[in-house]
Amino acid sequence: MLARMSDPVTPLPDPRPLPPIEPALEDCCGSGCPNCIFDVYQMLLANYKEALAAWEARHPEAAGEQP
C-alpha cells in the first residue's frame, strides 16, 4: 500500500551507535593471522568513532553523553 502525501511521516529510528566489544588478550591465538582479532577490533573501533561523530552531529543535544 502506498502512503498518501497527506499521511504523517514517521521518522526512522536513529539509535546511538554502540562501541565494539574489546577482545581479551586470551582471545588472540598468537599465530600472526592476517585478520587478527585485535586488528579487526581496531577497524571496528575506528568505524564506531566515525559513526558516533556523525550521530552526535545529528543529535547535538546528546553529544558527550555516555550510553
C-alpha atoms as a PDB file:
ATOM      1  CA  MET A   1       0.000   0.000   0.000  1.00  0.00           C
ATOM      2  CA  LEU A   2       1.365   3.412  -0.941  1.00  0.00           C
ATOM      3  CA  ALA A   3       1.393   6.273   1.544  1.00  0.00           C
ATOM      4  CA  ARG A   4      -0.508   9.399   0.667  1.00  0.00           C
ATOM      5  CA  MET A   5       1.251  12.733   0.675  1.00  0.00           C
ATOM      6  CA  SER A   6      -1.063  13.919   3.478  1.00  0.00           C
ATOM      7  CA  ASP A   7      -0.129  10.989   5.754  1.00  0.00           C
ATOM      8  CA  PRO A   8       2.160  11.998   8.620  1.00  0.00           C
ATOM      9  CA  VAL A   9       5.733  10.905   8.179  1.00  0.00           C
ATOM     10  CA  THR A  10       7.109   8.744  10.952  1.00  0.00           C
ATOM     11  CA  PRO A  11      10.812   9.400  11.462  1.00  0.00           C
ATOM     12  CA  LEU A  12      13.110   6.418  11.173  1.00  0.00           C
ATOM     13  CA  PRO A  13      14.762   5.346  14.417  1.00  0.00           C
ATOM     14  CA  ASP A  14      18.282   6.697  14.827  1.00  0.00           C
ATOM     15  CA  PRO A  15      19.820   4.895  17.805  1.00  0.00           C
ATOM     16  CA  ARG A  16      23.179   5.892  19.229  1.00  0.00           C
ATOM     17  CA  PRO A  17      25.941   3.621  17.848  1.00  0.00           C
ATOM     18  CA  LEU A  18      27.313   1.079  20.294  1.00  0.00           C
ATOM     19  CA  PRO A  19      31.057   0.515  20.695  1.00  0.00           C
ATOM     20  CA  PRO A  20      32.538  -2.823  19.697  1.00  0.00           C
ATOM     21  CA  ILE A  21      33.425  -5.262  22.447  1.00  0.00           C
ATOM     22  CA  GLU A  22      37.163  -5.279  23.090  1.00  0.00           C
ATOM     23  CA  PRO A  23      38.646  -8.765  22.839  1.00  0.00           C
ATOM     24  CA  ALA A  24      40.537 -10.211  25.791  1.00  0.00           C
ATOM     25  CA  LEU A  25      44.234 -10.995  25.454  1.00  0.00           C
ATOM     26  CA  GLU A  26      43.466 -14.729  25.535  1.00  0.00           C
ATOM     27  CA  ASP A  27      41.109 -14.335  22.536  1.00  0.00           C
ATOM     28  CA  CYS A  28      44.153 -13.996  20.258  1.00  0.00           C
ATOM     29  CA  CYS A  29      45.701 -17.261  19.058  1.00  0.00           C
ATOM     30  CA  GLY A  30      49.127 -15.605  18.688  1.00  0.00           C
ATOM     31  CA  SER A  31      49.858 -17.156  15.286  1.00  0.00           C
ATOM     32  CA  GLY A  32      50.094 -13.870  13.351  1.00  0.00           C
ATOM     33  CA  CYS A  33      46.788 -14.199  11.497  1.00  0.00           C
ATOM     34  CA  PRO A  34      46.323 -11.683   8.664  1.00  0.00           C
ATOM     35  CA  ASN A  35      42.976 -10.749  10.251  1.00  0.00           C
ATOM     36  CA  CYS A  36      43.990 -10.745  13.894  1.00  0.00           C
ATOM     37  CA  ILE A  37      41.102 -10.187  16.274  1.00  0.00           C
ATOM     38  CA  PHE A  38      42.872  -7.079  17.574  1.00  0.00           C
ATOM     39  CA  ASP A  39      43.251  -5.652  14.049  1.00  0.00           C
ATOM     40  CA  VAL A  40      39.563  -6.294  13.414  1.00  0.00           C
ATOM     41  CA  TYR A  41      38.719  -4.641  16.732  1.00  0.00           C
ATOM     42  CA  GLN A  42      40.760  -1.542  15.802  1.00  0.00           C
ATOM     43  CA  MET A  43      38.918  -1.322  12.468  1.00  0.00           C
ATOM     44  CA  LEU A  44      35.537  -1.674  14.212  1.00  0.00           C
ATOM     45  CA  LEU A  45      36.565   0.934  16.793  1.00  0.00           C
ATOM     46  CA  ALA A  46      37.516   3.422  14.064  1.00  0.00           C
ATOM     47  CA  ASN A  47      34.176   2.789  12.314  1.00  0.00           C
ATOM     48  CA  TYR A  48      32.354   3.253  15.623  1.00  0.00           C
ATOM     49  CA  LYS A  49      34.087   6.568  16.333  1.00  0.00           C
ATOM     50  CA  GLU A  50      33.161   7.825  12.866  1.00  0.00           C
ATOM     51  CA  ALA A  51      29.540   6.685  13.257  1.00  0.00           C
ATOM     52  CA  LEU A  52      29.345   8.225  16.740  1.00  0.00           C
ATOM     53  CA  ALA A  53      30.639  11.583  15.481  1.00  0.00           C
ATOM     54  CA  ALA A  54      28.023  11.563  12.705  1.00  0.00           C
ATOM     55  CA  TRP A  55      25.298  10.590  15.181  1.00  0.00           C
ATOM     56  CA  GLU A  56      26.341  13.354  17.605  1.00  0.00           C
ATOM     57  CA  ALA A  57      26.213  15.866  14.724  1.00  0.00           C
ATOM     58  CA  ARG A  58      22.602  14.780  14.123  1.00  0.00           C
ATOM     59  CA  HIS A  59      21.832  14.851  17.874  1.00  0.00           C
ATOM     60  CA  PRO A  60      23.786  17.793  19.316  1.00  0.00           C
ATOM     61  CA  GLU A  61      21.649  17.736  22.484  1.00  0.00           C
ATOM     62  CA  ALA A  62      23.080  14.290  23.334  1.00  0.00           C
ATOM     63  CA  ALA A  63      26.707  14.894  22.365  1.00  0.00           C
ATOM     64  CA  GLY A  64      29.142  13.861  25.078  1.00  0.00           C
ATOM     65  CA  GLU A  65      26.642  11.724  26.995  1.00  0.00           C
ATOM     66  CA  GLN A  66      27.626   8.182  27.903  1.00  0.00           C
ATOM     67  CA  PRO A  67      25.395   5.392  26.552  1.00  0.00           C
END
